[in-house]
Amino acid sequence: MMKRPILFLLFALTVSCTPVLERGAWEKDTYDALSALLADKSCRGGYAVFDCDNTTVIHDVTHTMILYQIENLRFASAPDHLFLDGLGDNVDFPLEGLGISAREMGQSLADEYFSLMNEMNDSLFKDFRARFIAFIEAVDESYDYGTLCLWEPSLATGFNEEDLKSLGRESLSYWLSQGRAWDEEWASPDGRYSFTVHKGLVLTPEMKNLYRSLSRSGITPYVCSASPEWLVELFFSEFASDLNVPAEHIFGLRFVNNPDGSWAYDETAIQPFKEGKVACIDKNIAPMHGGSAPLLVAGDSNGDVAMLTAYPDMKIGLIIDWGRTGEIGTLAAKADGRYFSQKFPKDSLREP
């Protein structure tokens, strides 16, 4: 007489333990594919690899920290080095889009910075902001990606490890507290420089739910980012701790602090940008899962294409589509049953 209630209870418990992905703003095909992955019991014990910036979180933890430094004039000894640390010795050729060298641009920014530290001037401040973004864009266009990934953290030259983490904590706290992501125009008063900057950091309910659902289904999430590892770890440990991604599951750029306060790549570590993301997965993550390939890889840019295309056994390549061109744009449009794109339009953003 008791068998049927017991069987019904066991069935109910089984159903209740099945991870359910909330629909939210997911596009139908993407939602269906992710839901099928979560329901597939053969996937238990597998793993997923996420990019951080503009994938896990809307906008970029490194770039928003630089914006925070610029707006609050929070540089240590970087101005003394003309903001050139990380660029090596090749700083005297004309930069793309500027027509002047990195040394000349760095000197002009240092001069403005020290003037602003002595006396705040609104016009000079607006010029400093716009010129700094022009410098970032020019470095991006004029140097290789690996140099850019080293140069950006080197803007924190002069901070010791404790002070650097304090700065990162301030930046993350400020931008996440805004509860939104938005664009803002930074223009110099003379009209020479004008750029759109991307402000705010948003961890959407959809992404939070996906991380949690993967974990509940027995699929372990990892993060493989071209942002500094210490900053990504700080984000997950103090601001996204409910995603339960421990530090040992987070991989980013690793640096060593030189005696002069500048930063250099840690030559003992794999640096996970572009093809380095594949090397990071193969050597750091896959061995923890018997050498198997990731079930899901999520990214948003051409820097993620290598890890999105390296694994024939990958079940889902999830592309957060920001309308980028190049190989990532081709993948986003592929829709071949393995690659799925997801747009998070700004009017759908809401405070998590």
Protein backbone atom coordinates (compact mmCIF):
# COMPACT_ATOMS: atom_id res chain seq x y z
CA MET A 1 0.00 0.00 0.00
CA MET A 2 2.95 2.34 0.60
CA LYS A 3 4.83 1.69 -2.63
CA ARG A 4 2.99 4.22 -4.82
CA PRO A 5 3.46 7.23 -2.45
CA ILE A 6 7.14 6.35 -2.04
CA LEU A 7 7.65 6.07 -5.79
CA PHE A 8 5.81 9.33 -6.33
CA LEU A 9 8.01 11.02 -3.71
CA LEU A 10 11.18 9.71 -5.34
CA PHE A 11 9.97 10.92 -8.74
CA ALA A 12 9.15 14.35 -7.34
CA LEU A 13 12.57 14.62 -5.72
CA THR A 14 14.25 13.65 -8.97
CA VAL A 15 12.30 16.25 -10.92
CA SER A 16 12.93 18.94 -8.32
CA CYS A 17 16.68 18.31 -8.52
CA THR A 18 16.77 18.75 -12.29
CA PRO A 19 18.37 22.14 -13.00
CA VAL A 20 15.93 24.48 -14.70
CA LEU A 21 17.28 27.43 -16.64
CA GLU A 22 15.02 30.45 -16.24
CA ARG A 23 13.93 31.82 -19.62
CA GLY A 24 14.70 35.47 -18.90
CA ALA A 25 16.05 37.25 -21.98
CA TRP A 26 17.54 34.13 -23.57
CA GLU A 27 16.76 33.74 -27.25
CA LYS A 28 14.69 30.64 -27.92
CA ASP A 29 17.24 28.51 -29.79
CA THR A 30 19.97 29.39 -27.29
CA TYR A 31 17.68 28.70 -24.35
CA ASP A 32 16.60 25.34 -25.76
CA ALA A 33 20.19 24.25 -26.39
CA LEU A 34 21.35 25.25 -22.90
CA SER A 35 18.33 23.56 -21.31
CA ALA A 36 19.06 20.34 -23.23
CA LEU A 37 22.68 20.42 -22.04
CA LEU A 38 21.57 20.81 -18.43
CA ALA A 39 19.11 17.94 -18.73
CA ASP A 40 21.63 15.57 -20.34
CA LYS A 41 22.79 13.27 -17.54
CA SER A 42 25.76 12.11 -19.62
CA CYS A 43 27.22 15.62 -19.21
CA ARG A 44 27.59 15.31 -15.46
CA GLY A 45 31.22 15.56 -14.44
CA GLY A 46 32.01 17.74 -17.43
CA TYR A 47 32.91 21.41 -17.45
CA ALA A 48 32.22 24.77 -19.08
CA VAL A 49 34.67 27.60 -19.80
CA PHE A 50 33.60 31.25 -19.77
CA ASP A 51 35.35 34.41 -20.78
CA CYS A 52 34.87 37.17 -18.19
CA ASP A 53 34.59 40.58 -19.86
CA ASN A 54 31.49 41.21 -21.97
CA THR A 55 30.58 37.55 -21.56
CA THR A 56 30.08 36.72 -17.90
CA VAL A 57 29.74 40.38 -16.99
CA ILE A 58 28.60 43.21 -19.24
CA HIS A 59 31.55 45.51 -19.95
CA ASP A 60 35.16 44.95 -18.96
CA VAL A 61 36.64 44.81 -15.44
CA THR A 62 40.03 46.08 -16.64
CA HIS A 63 38.76 48.90 -18.84
CA THR A 64 36.32 50.12 -16.22
CA MET A 65 39.14 50.18 -13.67
CA ILE A 66 41.15 52.36 -16.05
CA LEU A 67 38.14 54.67 -16.41
CA TYR A 68 37.94 54.79 -12.61
CA GLN A 69 41.62 55.71 -12.42
CA ILE A 70 41.21 58.43 -15.05
CA GLU A 71 38.11 60.00 -13.53
CA ASN A 72 39.52 59.95 -10.01
CA LEU A 73 43.14 60.70 -10.96
CA ARG A 74 44.16 57.49 -9.22
CA PHE A 75 47.59 56.78 -10.65
CA ALA A 76 50.63 56.08 -8.51
CA SER A 77 54.02 56.49 -10.18
CA ALA A 78 52.79 55.68 -13.71
CA PRO A 79 52.87 59.39 -14.71
CA ASP A 80 56.56 59.51 -13.71
CA HIS A 81 57.17 56.85 -16.37
CA LEU A 82 54.97 58.70 -18.90
CA PHE A 83 52.43 55.84 -18.84
CA LEU A 84 54.84 53.84 -21.02
CA ASP A 85 55.48 50.77 -18.84
CA GLY A 86 54.62 47.61 -20.73
CA LEU A 87 55.30 49.07 -24.19
CA GLY A 88 58.97 48.13 -24.18
CA ASP A 89 61.60 50.27 -25.90
CA ASN A 90 59.65 50.83 -29.10
CA VAL A 91 57.84 54.03 -28.11
CA ASP A 92 59.12 56.58 -30.62
CA PHE A 93 57.24 55.75 -33.82
CA PRO A 94 54.04 57.61 -34.83
CA LEU A 95 50.98 55.91 -33.33
CA GLU A 96 48.03 55.00 -35.55
CA GLY A 97 45.44 57.75 -35.52
CA LEU A 98 47.59 60.15 -33.51
CA GLY A 99 50.59 60.95 -35.68
CA ILE A 100 52.77 61.36 -32.59
CA SER A 101 54.74 58.79 -30.64
CA ALA A 102 53.76 57.02 -27.42
CA ARG A 103 56.54 58.91 -25.68
CA GLU A 104 55.16 62.27 -26.82
CA MET A 105 51.58 61.37 -25.92
CA GLY A 106 52.68 59.96 -22.57
CA GLN A 107 54.63 63.12 -21.79
CA SER A 108 51.66 65.36 -22.59
CA LEU A 109 49.36 63.23 -20.40
CA ALA A 110 51.88 63.28 -17.54
CA ASP A 111 52.10 67.07 -17.79
CA GLU A 112 48.31 67.39 -17.68
CA TYR A 113 48.06 64.91 -14.81
CA PHE A 114 50.51 66.81 -12.61
CA SER A 115 48.76 70.09 -13.43
CA LEU A 116 45.43 68.60 -12.40
CA MET A 117 46.89 67.25 -9.18
CA ASN A 118 48.02 70.77 -8.30
CA GLU A 119 44.82 72.51 -9.34
CA MET A 120 41.62 71.03 -10.75
CA ASN A 121 40.55 72.63 -14.01
CA ASP A 122 37.40 71.41 -15.75
CA SER A 123 38.59 72.13 -19.27
CA LEU A 124 41.98 70.52 -18.67
CA PHE A 125 40.31 67.52 -17.02
CA LYS A 126 38.05 66.94 -20.02
CA ASP A 127 41.06 67.19 -22.31
CA PHE A 128 43.00 64.73 -20.15
CA ARG A 129 40.14 62.18 -20.23
CA ALA A 130 39.66 62.36 -23.98
CA ARG A 131 43.39 62.29 -24.75
CA PHE A 132 43.86 59.26 -22.47
CA ILE A 133 41.19 57.31 -24.35
CA ALA A 134 42.81 58.40 -27.62
CA PHE A 135 46.08 56.98 -26.26
CA ILE A 136 44.42 53.66 -25.38
CA GLU A 137 42.86 53.40 -28.84
CA ALA A 138 46.17 54.24 -30.51
CA VAL A 139 48.08 51.62 -28.49
CA ASP A 140 45.41 49.07 -29.42
CA GLU A 141 45.86 49.90 -33.12
CA SER A 142 49.66 50.21 -33.08
CA TYR A 143 50.89 47.31 -30.92
CA ASP A 144 50.21 43.60 -30.81
CA TYR A 145 47.49 42.25 -28.53
CA GLY A 146 49.94 40.78 -26.03
CA THR A 147 51.58 44.18 -25.56
CA LEU A 148 48.18 45.81 -25.05
CA CYS A 149 47.26 43.19 -22.42
CA LEU A 150 50.47 44.00 -20.51
CA TRP A 151 50.31 47.78 -20.97
CA GLU A 152 46.83 48.26 -19.53
CA PRO A 153 47.65 46.72 -16.11
CA SER A 154 50.94 48.63 -16.19
CA LEU A 155 48.94 51.84 -15.84
CA ALA A 156 48.89 50.81 -12.17
CA THR A 157 52.68 51.06 -11.89
CA GLY A 158 53.67 52.16 -8.41
CA PHE A 159 50.89 50.42 -6.49
CA ASN A 160 51.94 47.56 -4.25
CA GLU A 161 49.80 44.42 -4.26
CA GLU A 162 47.65 45.48 -1.30
CA ASP A 163 46.99 48.98 -2.67
CA LEU A 164 46.30 47.59 -6.12
CA LYS A 165 43.63 45.23 -4.78
CA SER A 166 42.13 48.11 -2.83
CA LEU A 167 41.91 50.13 -6.05
CA GLY A 168 40.36 47.18 -7.88
CA ARG A 169 37.84 46.71 -5.08
CA GLU A 170 36.87 50.39 -5.22
CA SER A 171 36.40 50.23 -8.98
CA LEU A 172 34.33 47.04 -8.98
CA SER A 173 32.19 48.27 -6.10
CA TYR A 174 31.52 51.60 -7.76
CA TRP A 175 30.63 50.32 -11.22
CA LEU A 176 28.52 47.38 -10.02
CA SER A 177 26.64 49.63 -7.61
CA GLN A 178 25.33 51.66 -10.55
CA GLY A 179 23.09 48.74 -11.48
CA ARG A 180 23.32 49.54 -15.17
CA ALA A 181 25.65 49.78 -18.15
CA TRP A 182 25.79 52.86 -20.34
CA ASP A 183 27.82 54.73 -22.92
CA GLU A 184 29.24 58.20 -22.43
CA GLU A 185 30.99 60.56 -24.80
CA TRP A 186 34.36 61.93 -23.74
CA ALA A 187 35.43 64.85 -25.92
CA SER A 188 38.28 67.32 -25.61
CA PRO A 189 37.22 70.97 -25.49
CA ASP A 190 39.05 71.70 -28.74
CA GLY A 191 37.10 68.94 -30.51
CA ARG A 192 40.22 67.08 -31.58
CA TYR A 193 39.46 63.93 -29.60
CA SER A 194 36.05 62.37 -29.09
CA PHE A 195 35.40 58.81 -27.99
CA THR A 196 32.57 56.73 -26.56
CA VAL A 197 33.45 55.01 -23.30
CA HIS A 198 31.53 52.07 -21.84
CA LYS A 199 30.62 52.59 -18.21
CA GLY A 200 29.10 50.34 -15.57
CA LEU A 201 29.37 46.62 -14.87
CA VAL A 202 26.31 44.37 -14.89
CA LEU A 203 26.05 40.70 -14.00
CA THR A 204 22.73 39.80 -15.59
CA PRO A 205 20.22 37.46 -13.95
CA GLU A 206 20.50 35.23 -17.02
CA MET A 207 24.23 34.69 -16.57
CA LYS A 208 23.96 34.22 -12.82
CA ASN A 209 21.27 31.60 -13.36
CA LEU A 210 23.32 29.82 -16.04
CA TYR A 211 26.37 29.50 -13.78
CA ARG A 212 24.23 28.17 -10.93
CA SER A 213 22.29 25.78 -13.15
CA LEU A 214 25.49 24.33 -14.59
CA SER A 215 26.86 23.68 -11.11
CA ARG A 216 23.62 22.07 -9.97
CA SER A 217 23.67 19.80 -13.03
CA GLY A 218 27.21 18.59 -12.24
CA ILE A 219 28.93 20.71 -14.90
CA THR A 220 31.77 22.74 -13.40
CA PRO A 221 32.19 26.36 -14.57
CA TYR A 222 35.68 27.80 -15.13
CA VAL A 223 36.75 31.28 -16.16
CA CYS A 224 39.50 31.94 -18.71
CA SER A 225 40.11 35.67 -19.11
CA ALA A 226 42.57 38.10 -20.68
CA SER A 227 42.07 40.44 -17.72
CA PRO A 228 44.48 40.29 -14.77
CA GLU A 229 43.83 37.15 -12.77
CA TRP A 230 43.88 39.01 -9.44
CA LEU A 231 41.12 41.36 -10.63
CA VAL A 232 38.90 38.58 -11.98
CA GLU A 233 39.39 36.62 -8.75
CA LEU A 234 38.43 39.72 -6.77
CA PHE A 235 35.25 40.08 -8.81
CA PHE A 236 34.19 36.47 -8.26
CA SER A 237 35.21 36.24 -4.61
CA GLU A 238 33.74 39.51 -3.34
CA PHE A 239 31.12 40.62 -5.83
CA ALA A 240 29.85 37.41 -7.44
CA SER A 241 30.50 34.95 -4.63
CA ASP A 242 27.04 33.41 -5.07
CA LEU A 243 28.25 31.94 -8.37
CA ASN A 244 30.54 29.68 -6.32
CA VAL A 245 33.53 29.85 -8.68
CA PRO A 246 36.62 29.31 -6.50
CA ALA A 247 39.96 30.95 -7.20
CA GLU A 248 41.43 27.69 -8.48
CA HIS A 249 38.83 27.70 -11.27
CA ILE A 250 39.79 31.19 -12.45
CA PHE A 251 42.58 31.81 -14.93
CA GLY A 252 43.73 35.22 -16.13
CA LEU A 253 46.86 37.15 -16.97
CA ARG A 254 49.55 36.66 -14.33
CA PHE A 255 52.17 39.27 -13.58
CA VAL A 256 55.20 39.81 -11.42
CA ASN A 257 55.94 43.15 -9.77
CA ASN A 258 59.40 44.49 -10.62
CA PRO A 259 61.53 46.33 -8.02
CA ASP A 260 60.71 49.66 -9.70
CA GLY A 261 56.97 49.05 -9.25
CA SER A 262 56.30 48.17 -12.88
CA TRP A 263 54.64 44.94 -13.98
CA ALA A 264 55.84 42.16 -16.26
CA TYR A 265 54.32 38.91 -17.46
CA ASP A 266 54.94 35.93 -15.20
CA GLU A 267 57.01 33.79 -17.55
CA THR A 268 56.16 30.63 -15.60
CA ALA A 269 52.43 30.97 -16.35
CA ILE A 270 50.29 30.47 -19.43
CA GLN A 271 48.85 33.84 -20.43
CA PRO A 272 45.25 33.21 -21.54
CA PHE A 273 44.69 35.53 -24.46
CA LYS A 274 43.81 34.30 -27.95
CA GLU A 275 45.53 30.91 -28.51
CA GLY A 276 46.75 31.10 -24.92
CA LYS A 277 43.19 30.40 -23.81
CA VAL A 278 43.34 27.00 -25.52
CA ALA A 279 46.70 26.26 -23.89
CA CYS A 280 45.25 27.27 -20.53
CA ILE A 281 42.29 24.92 -20.94
CA ASP A 282 44.42 22.03 -22.18
CA LYS A 283 47.07 22.29 -19.45
CA ASN A 284 45.20 23.69 -16.47
CA ILE A 285 41.57 22.61 -16.75
CA ALA A 286 41.19 19.52 -18.93
CA PRO A 287 43.52 17.38 -16.74
CA MET A 288 41.06 17.85 -13.86
CA HIS A 289 38.42 16.20 -16.06
CA GLY A 290 40.33 13.27 -17.47
CA GLY A 291 41.62 15.25 -20.42
CA SER A 292 38.15 15.79 -21.87
CA ALA A 293 37.13 18.85 -23.88
CA PRO A 294 34.78 21.47 -22.43
CA LEU A 295 31.08 20.88 -23.00
CA LEU A 296 30.38 24.59 -23.30
CA VAL A 297 32.63 27.50 -24.22
CA ALA A 298 31.35 31.06 -23.92
CA GLY A 299 32.97 34.18 -25.36
CA ASP A 300 32.27 37.46 -27.11
CA SER A 301 35.27 38.63 -29.14
CA ASN A 302 37.88 37.61 -31.67
CA GLY A 303 40.15 36.92 -28.70
CA ASP A 304 37.81 34.03 -27.80
CA VAL A 305 37.64 32.46 -31.27
CA ALA A 306 40.56 30.08 -30.63
CA MET A 307 38.92 28.42 -27.63
CA LEU A 308 35.49 28.46 -29.32
CA THR A 309 36.82 26.51 -32.31
CA ALA A 310 39.48 24.24 -30.80
CA TYR A 311 37.25 21.41 -29.56
CA PRO A 312 35.29 19.17 -31.98
CA ASP A 313 33.58 17.49 -29.00
CA MET A 314 32.28 20.78 -27.58
CA LYS A 315 28.49 20.69 -27.45
CA ILE A 316 27.74 24.42 -27.29
CA GLY A 317 29.71 27.46 -28.36
CA LEU A 318 27.87 30.34 -26.70
CA ILE A 319 28.62 33.74 -28.23
CA ILE A 320 27.51 36.89 -26.49
CA ASP A 321 26.89 38.94 -29.60
CA TRP A 322 27.87 42.60 -29.45
CA GLY A 323 27.79 42.97 -33.22
CA ARG A 324 31.54 42.52 -33.60
CA THR A 325 33.01 41.81 -37.01
CA GLY A 326 35.65 39.29 -38.00
CA GLU A 327 35.73 35.62 -37.07
CA ILE A 328 33.53 36.07 -34.01
CA GLY A 329 30.86 37.66 -36.18
CA THR A 330 31.00 34.69 -38.53
CA LEU A 331 30.58 32.27 -35.62
CA ALA A 332 27.71 34.30 -34.17
CA ALA A 333 25.86 34.01 -37.48
CA LYS A 334 26.68 30.33 -37.99
CA ALA A 335 23.69 28.82 -36.13
CA ASP A 336 24.70 25.28 -37.09
CA GLY A 337 23.35 23.49 -34.03
CA ARG A 338 26.61 23.92 -32.13
CA TYR A 339 27.11 27.68 -32.08
CA PHE A 340 24.47 29.87 -30.52
CA SER A 341 24.46 33.63 -30.17
CA GLN A 342 22.83 35.73 -27.50
CA LYS A 343 22.26 39.46 -27.54
CA PHE A 344 21.71 41.40 -24.35
CA PRO A 345 20.38 44.71 -25.71
CA LYS A 346 20.93 47.60 -23.35
CA ASP A 347 17.25 48.27 -22.95
CA SER A 348 16.90 44.80 -21.41
CA LEU A 349 19.53 45.41 -18.76
CA ARG A 350 18.27 45.57 -15.25
CA GLU A 351 19.78 45.55 -11.82
CA PRO A 352 20.51 41.93 -10.84
